[in-house]
Amino acid sequence: MSKQHTSVRSYGILLHEGRVALVRSSNPHHDPPLWWLPGGGIDFGEAPEETLIREFEEETGLVVHEPALLAVTSDIRRRDNGDRIHTVRILYTVALHSGELRHEIHGTTDHAAWFVLEELATLNIADYARAAIDAVQPK
């Protein structure tokens, strides 16, 4: 019997010097590799902004600040095992405070990188991340 699950997550869009910070999924079934925004699941009792700052540093080595709410999105998808997951994503814009870009080890992501905005068309980016980046790009 399949299960249903809701996951509430917090993600950040860091645009800095014409580039955006993205992380790559460590799931080997994503071919081509799937990129998304740094962030992740909210721990019990944790504010979404706290999650964002914690997860961003865990996944990229970068310390961000000044989170500003951009949007809240949700979608429902079916996992390979038949379970259905309802993901609620709280999306923020953030500013770079400090840190050096590095990769997460043993996490849901395995690579962090800066991309100039013109490169994004060539990447396999999660739909929610692409829409969020499009919403904040200078016109």
C-alpha atoms as a PDB file:
ATOM      1  CA  MET A   1       0.000   0.000   0.000  1.00  0.00           C
ATOM      2  CA  SER A   2       1.416   3.391  -0.954  1.00  0.00           C
ATOM      3  CA  LYS A   3       1.839   6.154   1.604  1.00  0.00           C
ATOM      4  CA  GLN A   4       1.316   9.891   1.483  1.00  0.00           C
ATOM      5  CA  HIS A   5       3.740  12.355   3.023  1.00  0.00           C
ATOM      6  CA  THR A   6       4.070  16.136   3.278  1.00  0.00           C
ATOM      7  CA  SER A   7       7.492  17.779   3.327  1.00  0.00           C
ATOM      8  CA  VAL A   8       8.018  21.475   4.092  1.00  0.00           C
ATOM      9  CA  ARG A   9      11.326  22.832   2.817  1.00  0.00           C
ATOM     10  CA  SER A  10      13.144  26.161   2.652  1.00  0.00           C
ATOM     11  CA  TYR A  11      15.351  27.242  -0.302  1.00  0.00           C
ATOM     12  CA  GLY A  12      17.409  30.289  -1.221  1.00  0.00           C
ATOM     13  CA  ILE A  13      18.256  32.096  -4.418  1.00  0.00           C
ATOM     14  CA  LEU A  14      21.677  33.685  -4.235  1.00  0.00           C
ATOM     15  CA  LEU A  15      22.461  35.970  -7.151  1.00  0.00           C
ATOM     16  CA  HIS A  16      25.941  37.447  -6.807  1.00  0.00           C
ATOM     17  CA  GLU A  17      28.013  39.238  -9.464  1.00  0.00           C
ATOM     18  CA  GLY A  18      25.816  37.960 -12.305  1.00  0.00           C
ATOM     19  CA  ARG A  19      25.934  34.349 -11.107  1.00  0.00           C
ATOM     20  CA  VAL A  20      23.589  32.063  -9.223  1.00  0.00           C
ATOM     21  CA  ALA A  21      24.598  29.358  -6.732  1.00  0.00           C
ATOM     22  CA  LEU A  22      23.124  25.911  -7.440  1.00  0.00           C
ATOM     23  CA  VAL A  23      23.616  22.420  -6.038  1.00  0.00           C
ATOM     24  CA  ARG A  24      23.491  19.108  -7.891  1.00  0.00           C
ATOM     25  CA  SER A  25      21.412  16.144  -6.764  1.00  0.00           C
ATOM     26  CA  SER A  26      23.482  13.195  -5.562  1.00  0.00           C
ATOM     27  CA  ASN A  27      20.812  10.791  -6.907  1.00  0.00           C
ATOM     28  CA  PRO A  28      22.537   8.754  -9.655  1.00  0.00           C
ATOM     29  CA  HIS A  29      19.160   8.152 -11.359  1.00  0.00           C
ATOM     30  CA  HIS A  30      19.037  11.796 -12.448  1.00  0.00           C
ATOM     31  CA  ASP A  31      20.421  11.669 -15.970  1.00  0.00           C
ATOM     32  CA  PRO A  32      21.330  14.276 -16.963  1.00  0.00           C
ATOM     33  CA  PRO A  33      22.244  15.488 -13.456  1.00  0.00           C
ATOM     34  CA  LEU A  34      19.561  17.592 -11.765  1.00  0.00           C
ATOM     35  CA  TRP A  35      20.403  20.973 -10.255  1.00  0.00           C
ATOM     36  CA  TRP A  36      18.353  22.933  -7.726  1.00  0.00           C
ATOM     37  CA  LEU A  37      18.541  25.719  -5.158  1.00  0.00           C
ATOM     38  CA  PRO A  38      20.432  25.203  -1.902  1.00  0.00           C
ATOM     39  CA  GLY A  39      18.107  24.423   0.976  1.00  0.00           C
ATOM     40  CA  GLY A  40      16.208  21.581   2.539  1.00  0.00           C
ATOM     41  CA  GLY A  41      13.851  20.216   5.128  1.00  0.00           C
ATOM     42  CA  ILE A  42      12.755  22.240   8.118  1.00  0.00           C
ATOM     43  CA  ASP A  43      13.594  20.566  11.429  1.00  0.00           C
ATOM     44  CA  PHE A  44      10.990  20.530  14.212  1.00  0.00           C
ATOM     45  CA  GLY A  45      10.915  23.907  15.960  1.00  0.00           C
ATOM     46  CA  GLU A  46      13.169  25.557  13.381  1.00  0.00           C
ATOM     47  CA  ALA A  47      12.105  28.744  11.624  1.00  0.00           C
ATOM     48  CA  PRO A  48      12.181  28.544   7.807  1.00  0.00           C
ATOM     49  CA  GLU A  49      14.805  31.300   7.682  1.00  0.00           C
ATOM     50  CA  GLU A  50      17.016  29.335  10.112  1.00  0.00           C
ATOM     51  CA  THR A  51      16.662  26.241   7.924  1.00  0.00           C
ATOM     52  CA  LEU A  52      17.616  28.215   4.857  1.00  0.00           C
ATOM     53  CA  ILE A  53      20.794  29.619   6.421  1.00  0.00           C
ATOM     54  CA  ARG A  54      21.797  26.232   7.928  1.00  0.00           C
ATOM     55  CA  GLU A  55      21.128  24.215   4.776  1.00  0.00           C
ATOM     56  CA  PHE A  56      22.784  26.769   2.499  1.00  0.00           C
ATOM     57  CA  GLU A  57      26.014  26.542   4.485  1.00  0.00           C
ATOM     58  CA  GLU A  58      25.826  22.723   4.731  1.00  0.00           C
ATOM     59  CA  GLU A  59      25.388  22.322   0.979  1.00  0.00           C
ATOM     60  CA  THR A  60      27.646  25.104  -0.330  1.00  0.00           C
ATOM     61  CA  GLY A  61      29.966  26.369   2.412  1.00  0.00           C
ATOM     62  CA  LEU A  62      28.504  29.841   1.873  1.00  0.00           C
ATOM     63  CA  VAL A  63      27.012  31.897   4.690  1.00  0.00           C
ATOM     64  CA  VAL A  64      23.975  33.861   3.541  1.00  0.00           C
ATOM     65  CA  HIS A  65      21.892  36.515   5.257  1.00  0.00           C
ATOM     66  CA  GLU A  66      19.018  38.936   4.665  1.00  0.00           C
ATOM     67  CA  PRO A  67      16.450  36.313   3.595  1.00  0.00           C
ATOM     68  CA  ALA A  68      13.485  37.936   1.856  1.00  0.00           C
ATOM     69  CA  LEU A  69      10.397  35.853   1.101  1.00  0.00           C
ATOM     70  CA  LEU A  70       9.907  35.404  -2.639  1.00  0.00           C
ATOM     71  CA  ALA A  71       7.188  32.758  -2.947  1.00  0.00           C
ATOM     72  CA  VAL A  72       5.659  29.587  -1.571  1.00  0.00           C
ATOM     73  CA  THR A  73       5.083  26.730  -4.014  1.00  0.00           C
ATOM     74  CA  SER A  74       3.834  23.181  -3.735  1.00  0.00           C
ATOM     75  CA  ASP A  75       3.565  20.101  -5.877  1.00  0.00           C
ATOM     76  CA  ILE A  76       2.638  16.452  -5.552  1.00  0.00           C
ATOM     77  CA  ARG A  77       4.678  13.712  -7.171  1.00  0.00           C
ATOM     78  CA  ARG A  78       4.935   9.959  -6.993  1.00  0.00           C
ATOM     79  CA  ARG A  79       8.150   8.329  -5.827  1.00  0.00           C
ATOM     80  CA  ASP A  80       9.583   5.222  -7.460  1.00  0.00           C
ATOM     81  CA  ASN A  81       8.118   3.059  -4.656  1.00  0.00           C
ATOM     82  CA  GLY A  82       4.595   4.382  -5.336  1.00  0.00           C
ATOM     83  CA  ASP A  83       4.440   6.722  -2.337  1.00  0.00           C
ATOM     84  CA  ARG A  84       3.070  10.195  -2.974  1.00  0.00           C
ATOM     85  CA  ILE A  85       4.891  13.206  -1.594  1.00  0.00           C
ATOM     86  CA  HIS A  86       3.453  16.685  -1.254  1.00  0.00           C
ATOM     87  CA  THR A  87       6.354  19.151  -1.148  1.00  0.00           C
ATOM     88  CA  VAL A  88       5.813  22.707   0.088  1.00  0.00           C
ATOM     89  CA  ARG A  89       8.759  24.969  -0.775  1.00  0.00           C
ATOM     90  CA  ILE A  90       9.336  28.336   0.903  1.00  0.00           C
ATOM     91  CA  LEU A  91      11.584  30.339  -1.424  1.00  0.00           C
ATOM     92  CA  TYR A  92      13.747  33.273  -0.357  1.00  0.00           C
ATOM     93  CA  THR A  93      16.214  35.582  -1.976  1.00  0.00           C
ATOM     94  CA  VAL A  94      19.410  35.895   0.045  1.00  0.00           C
ATOM     95  CA  ALA A  95      22.625  37.913   0.078  1.00  0.00           C
ATOM     96  CA  LEU A  96      26.138  36.549   0.379  1.00  0.00           C
ATOM     97  CA  HIS A  97      27.738  37.204   3.760  1.00  0.00           C
ATOM     98  CA  SER A  98      30.913  35.083   3.676  1.00  0.00           C
ATOM     99  CA  GLY A  99      32.414  31.689   2.948  1.00  0.00           C
ATOM    100  CA  GLU A 100      34.104  29.742   0.177  1.00  0.00           C
ATOM    101  CA  LEU A 101      32.148  27.514  -2.199  1.00  0.00           C
ATOM    102  CA  ARG A 102      32.587  23.809  -1.389  1.00  0.00           C
ATOM    103  CA  HIS A 103      30.685  20.564  -1.980  1.00  0.00           C
ATOM    104  CA  GLU A 104      28.501  18.698   0.504  1.00  0.00           C
ATOM    105  CA  ILE A 105      29.684  15.216   1.474  1.00  0.00           C
ATOM    106  CA  HIS A 106      27.197  12.367   2.072  1.00  0.00           C
ATOM    107  CA  GLY A 107      24.107  14.492   1.509  1.00  0.00           C
ATOM    108  CA  THR A 108      21.269  14.831  -0.980  1.00  0.00           C
ATOM    109  CA  THR A 109      23.623  17.012  -3.025  1.00  0.00           C
ATOM    110  CA  ASP A 110      27.184  16.282  -4.113  1.00  0.00           C
ATOM    111  CA  HIS A 111      28.326  19.382  -5.970  1.00  0.00           C
ATOM    112  CA  ALA A 112      27.904  23.145  -5.534  1.00  0.00           C
ATOM    113  CA  ALA A 113      28.672  25.601  -8.319  1.00  0.00           C
ATOM    114  CA  TRP A 114      28.254  29.144  -9.538  1.00  0.00           C
ATOM    115  CA  PHE A 115      26.607  29.578 -12.925  1.00  0.00           C
ATOM    116  CA  VAL A 116      26.355  32.725 -14.997  1.00  0.00           C
ATOM    117  CA  LEU A 117      22.724  33.286 -15.889  1.00  0.00           C
ATOM    118  CA  GLU A 118      23.329  32.617 -19.593  1.00  0.00           C
ATOM    119  CA  GLU A 119      24.484  29.040 -18.749  1.00  0.00           C
ATOM    120  CA  LEU A 120      21.188  28.065 -17.124  1.00  0.00           C
ATOM    121  CA  ALA A 121      19.500  27.210 -20.430  1.00  0.00           C
ATOM    122  CA  THR A 122      21.923  24.301 -20.851  1.00  0.00           C
ATOM    123  CA  LEU A 123      21.315  22.761 -17.413  1.00  0.00           C
ATOM    124  CA  ASN A 124      18.721  20.293 -16.160  1.00  0.00           C
ATOM    125  CA  ILE A 125      17.251  22.463 -13.387  1.00  0.00           C
ATOM    126  CA  ALA A 126      14.315  21.485 -11.167  1.00  0.00           C
ATOM    127  CA  ASP A 127      11.155  23.227 -12.367  1.00  0.00           C
ATOM    128  CA  TYR A 128      10.571  25.107  -9.097  1.00  0.00           C
ATOM    129  CA  ALA A 129      14.174  26.385  -9.120  1.00  0.00           C
ATOM    130  CA  ARG A 130      14.017  27.535 -12.744  1.00  0.00           C
ATOM    131  CA  ALA A 131      10.758  29.416 -12.117  1.00  0.00           C
ATOM    132  CA  ALA A 132      12.182  31.086  -9.003  1.00  0.00           C
ATOM    133  CA  ILE A 133      15.383  32.139 -10.755  1.00  0.00           C
ATOM    134  CA  ASP A 134      13.374  33.507 -13.686  1.00  0.00           C
ATOM    135  CA  ALA A 135      11.264  35.534 -11.241  1.00  0.00           C
ATOM    136  CA  VAL A 136      14.288  37.333  -9.766  1.00  0.00           C
ATOM    137  CA  GLN A 137      16.465  37.828 -12.859  1.00  0.00           C
ATOM    138  CA  PRO A 138      16.958  41.416 -13.912  1.00  0.00           C
ATOM    139  CA  LYS A 139      14.790  42.162 -16.953  1.00  0.00           C
END
